[in-house]
Amino acid sequence: MRIDPDEQLLATMIATIERATTSEEWLKEGGKYIPYPATWLGARGWEDEMTAPPLDGVVSEVTARNLRAIRDWRSPP
């Protein structure tokens, strides 16, 4: 809420999260190294460069659940 993103920034943030969900860093040890949302937002994580290419089609269950929650939240009722 502090960031109060407009539609364009929100789209950028979500796209960055979706790319990160398939990165080796986020999948390592069952998602143990996925940043806490408040930490990621405070550090402006959407501005970070991806250090490694994403792993196609591989997402931890925790990440998949969180992505579903974000998509549900964004969808109008």
Protein backbone atom coordinates (compact mmCIF):
# COMPACT_ATOMS: atom_id res chain seq x y z
CA MET A 1 0.00 0.00 0.00
CA ARG A 2 2.95 2.34 0.61
CA ILE A 3 4.14 1.87 -2.94
CA ASP A 4 0.65 2.46 -4.40
CA PRO A 5 1.55 1.19 -7.89
CA ASP A 6 -0.28 2.36 -10.96
CA GLU A 7 -1.47 -0.26 -13.47
CA GLN A 8 1.81 -0.19 -15.42
CA LEU A 9 4.01 -0.65 -12.35
CA LEU A 10 1.74 -3.40 -11.03
CA ALA A 11 1.99 -5.20 -14.38
CA THR A 12 5.79 -4.89 -14.25
CA MET A 13 5.89 -6.23 -10.69
CA ILE A 14 3.70 -9.21 -11.52
CA ALA A 15 5.64 -10.00 -14.69
CA THR A 16 8.89 -9.92 -12.71
CA ILE A 17 7.46 -12.25 -10.07
CA GLU A 18 6.21 -14.64 -12.74
CA ARG A 19 9.68 -14.76 -14.35
CA ALA A 20 11.34 -15.22 -10.97
CA THR A 21 9.08 -18.15 -10.08
CA THR A 22 10.90 -20.31 -12.58
CA SER A 23 14.41 -19.18 -11.66
CA GLU A 24 16.87 -21.61 -10.13
CA GLU A 25 17.32 -19.28 -7.16
CA TRP A 26 13.61 -19.40 -6.27
CA LEU A 27 13.34 -23.15 -6.81
CA LYS A 28 16.42 -24.08 -4.81
CA GLU A 29 15.68 -26.28 -1.79
CA GLY A 30 11.91 -26.19 -2.29
CA GLY A 31 11.66 -22.41 -2.37
CA LYS A 32 13.70 -21.81 0.77
CA TYR A 33 15.30 -18.69 -0.74
CA ILE A 34 12.20 -16.95 -2.07
CA PRO A 35 12.24 -13.46 -0.54
CA TYR A 36 9.52 -12.41 1.86
CA PRO A 37 7.01 -10.21 0.02
CA ALA A 38 7.56 -7.18 2.29
CA THR A 39 11.32 -7.50 1.88
CA TRP A 40 11.04 -7.83 -1.89
CA LEU A 41 8.71 -4.82 -2.11
CA GLY A 42 10.86 -2.70 0.21
CA ALA A 43 13.97 -3.51 -1.82
CA ARG A 44 12.12 -2.73 -5.08
CA GLY A 45 12.78 -6.27 -6.25
CA TRP A 46 11.00 -5.73 -9.54
CA GLU A 47 13.98 -3.54 -10.54
CA ASP A 48 16.51 -6.34 -9.97
CA GLU A 49 18.04 -8.04 -12.95
CA MET A 50 17.57 -11.77 -13.27
CA THR A 51 20.94 -13.41 -12.66
CA ALA A 52 20.12 -16.68 -14.38
CA PRO A 53 17.70 -17.68 -17.11
CA PRO A 54 14.42 -19.17 -15.90
CA LEU A 55 13.93 -22.92 -15.81
CA ASP A 56 11.08 -23.69 -18.17
CA GLY A 57 7.90 -24.96 -16.55
CA VAL A 58 9.36 -25.70 -13.11
CA VAL A 59 7.71 -23.95 -10.18
CA SER A 60 7.56 -24.92 -6.51
CA GLU A 61 4.11 -25.61 -5.05
CA VAL A 62 4.46 -22.65 -2.67
CA THR A 63 5.21 -20.34 -5.57
CA ALA A 64 2.35 -21.74 -7.66
CA ARG A 65 -0.06 -21.17 -4.75
CA ASN A 66 1.18 -17.60 -4.28
CA LEU A 67 0.83 -16.86 -7.99
CA ARG A 68 -2.75 -18.13 -7.93
CA ALA A 69 -3.47 -15.83 -5.00
CA ILE A 70 -2.02 -12.84 -6.87
CA ARG A 71 -4.01 -13.66 -10.01
CA ASP A 72 -7.21 -14.07 -7.97
CA TRP A 73 -6.58 -10.77 -6.21
CA ARG A 74 -6.08 -8.97 -9.52
CA SER A 75 -9.18 -10.47 -11.15
CA PRO A 76 -12.28 -8.34 -10.83
CA PRO A 77 -15.18 -9.98 -8.98
